Amino acid sequence: FDVELEYSVAVCGDDAESKQIVMGMIDQISHLKSYDAGPLAISSVIEGLTPLLNNIAKCNQMKDVGIRFV
């Protein structure tokens, strides 16, 4: 990457082993941190944040908008 990302990544899924693999891959990327967000059924809630983030970026002339859990 040309820039360092400092984001939290919510990972949803019904297969615990698969989630751990994906989370391990995410955590290998500098400044990204994965979080277990529960079952796949909750993923629509997570995806619903995308329009909100897009609007925040547009209304505030921001280039990169993301979420970071602290």
Protein backbone atom coordinates (compact mmCIF):
# COMPACT_ATOMS: atom_id res chain seq x y z
CA PHE A 1 0.00 0.00 0.00
CA ASP A 2 1.09 3.58 -0.60
CA VAL A 3 -0.49 4.70 2.67
CA GLU A 4 -0.77 3.03 6.03
CA LEU A 5 -4.30 2.02 6.89
CA GLU A 6 -5.45 2.29 10.49
CA TYR A 7 -8.77 0.51 10.43
CA SER A 8 -10.66 -2.11 12.34
CA VAL A 9 -12.11 -4.95 10.28
CA ALA A 10 -15.25 -6.72 11.44
CA VAL A 11 -15.27 -10.36 10.34
CA CYS A 12 -18.57 -12.26 10.22
CA GLY A 13 -19.01 -15.94 9.51
CA ASP A 14 -20.56 -19.18 10.61
CA ASP A 15 -17.39 -21.29 10.40
CA ALA A 16 -15.07 -20.52 13.32
CA GLU A 17 -11.99 -21.99 11.64
CA SER A 18 -12.53 -19.97 8.46
CA LYS A 19 -13.02 -16.79 10.48
CA GLN A 20 -9.74 -17.40 12.30
CA ILE A 21 -7.92 -17.85 8.98
CA VAL A 22 -9.35 -14.61 7.57
CA MET A 23 -8.69 -12.72 10.79
CA GLY A 24 -5.09 -13.98 10.78
CA MET A 25 -4.62 -12.68 7.24
CA ILE A 26 -6.06 -9.28 8.16
CA ASP A 27 -3.88 -9.01 11.26
CA GLN A 28 -0.77 -9.55 9.13
CA ILE A 29 -1.44 -6.25 7.36
CA SER A 30 0.22 -3.39 9.21
CA HIS A 31 -2.21 -1.15 11.11
CA LEU A 32 -5.26 -3.34 10.48
CA LYS A 33 -6.93 -5.16 13.35
CA SER A 34 -9.59 -7.80 12.90
CA TYR A 35 -12.50 -8.35 15.26
CA ASP A 36 -14.91 -11.26 15.43
CA ALA A 37 -18.29 -9.68 14.68
CA GLY A 38 -20.35 -12.83 15.09
CA PRO A 39 -22.35 -14.97 12.69
CA LEU A 40 -22.85 -14.35 8.99
CA ALA A 41 -26.43 -13.23 9.69
CA ILE A 42 -25.07 -10.00 11.23
CA SER A 43 -23.08 -9.12 8.09
CA SER A 44 -25.96 -7.08 6.65
CA VAL A 45 -25.65 -4.73 9.62
CA ILE A 46 -21.93 -4.34 8.98
CA GLU A 47 -22.46 -3.75 5.25
CA GLY A 48 -25.14 -1.18 6.09
CA LEU A 49 -22.40 1.08 7.46
CA THR A 50 -20.95 1.60 3.98
CA PRO A 51 -23.53 4.19 2.82
CA LEU A 52 -23.06 6.07 6.10
CA LEU A 53 -19.28 6.19 5.65
CA ASN A 54 -19.67 7.27 2.02
CA ASN A 55 -21.98 10.13 3.04
CA ILE A 56 -19.66 11.26 5.82
CA ALA A 57 -16.78 11.36 3.34
CA LYS A 58 -18.80 13.22 0.72
CA CYS A 59 -20.36 15.79 3.07
CA ASN A 60 -17.06 16.55 4.77
CA GLN A 61 -14.77 16.43 1.72
CA MET A 62 -12.86 13.52 3.21
CA LYS A 63 -10.87 11.11 1.09
CA ASP A 64 -10.62 8.10 3.40
CA VAL A 65 -13.25 7.27 5.98
CA GLY A 66 -13.22 4.10 8.01
CA ILE A 67 -13.96 2.62 11.38
CA ARG A 68 -11.54 1.94 14.19
CA PHE A 69 -12.59 0.23 17.40
CA VAL A 70 -10.70 1.43 20.46
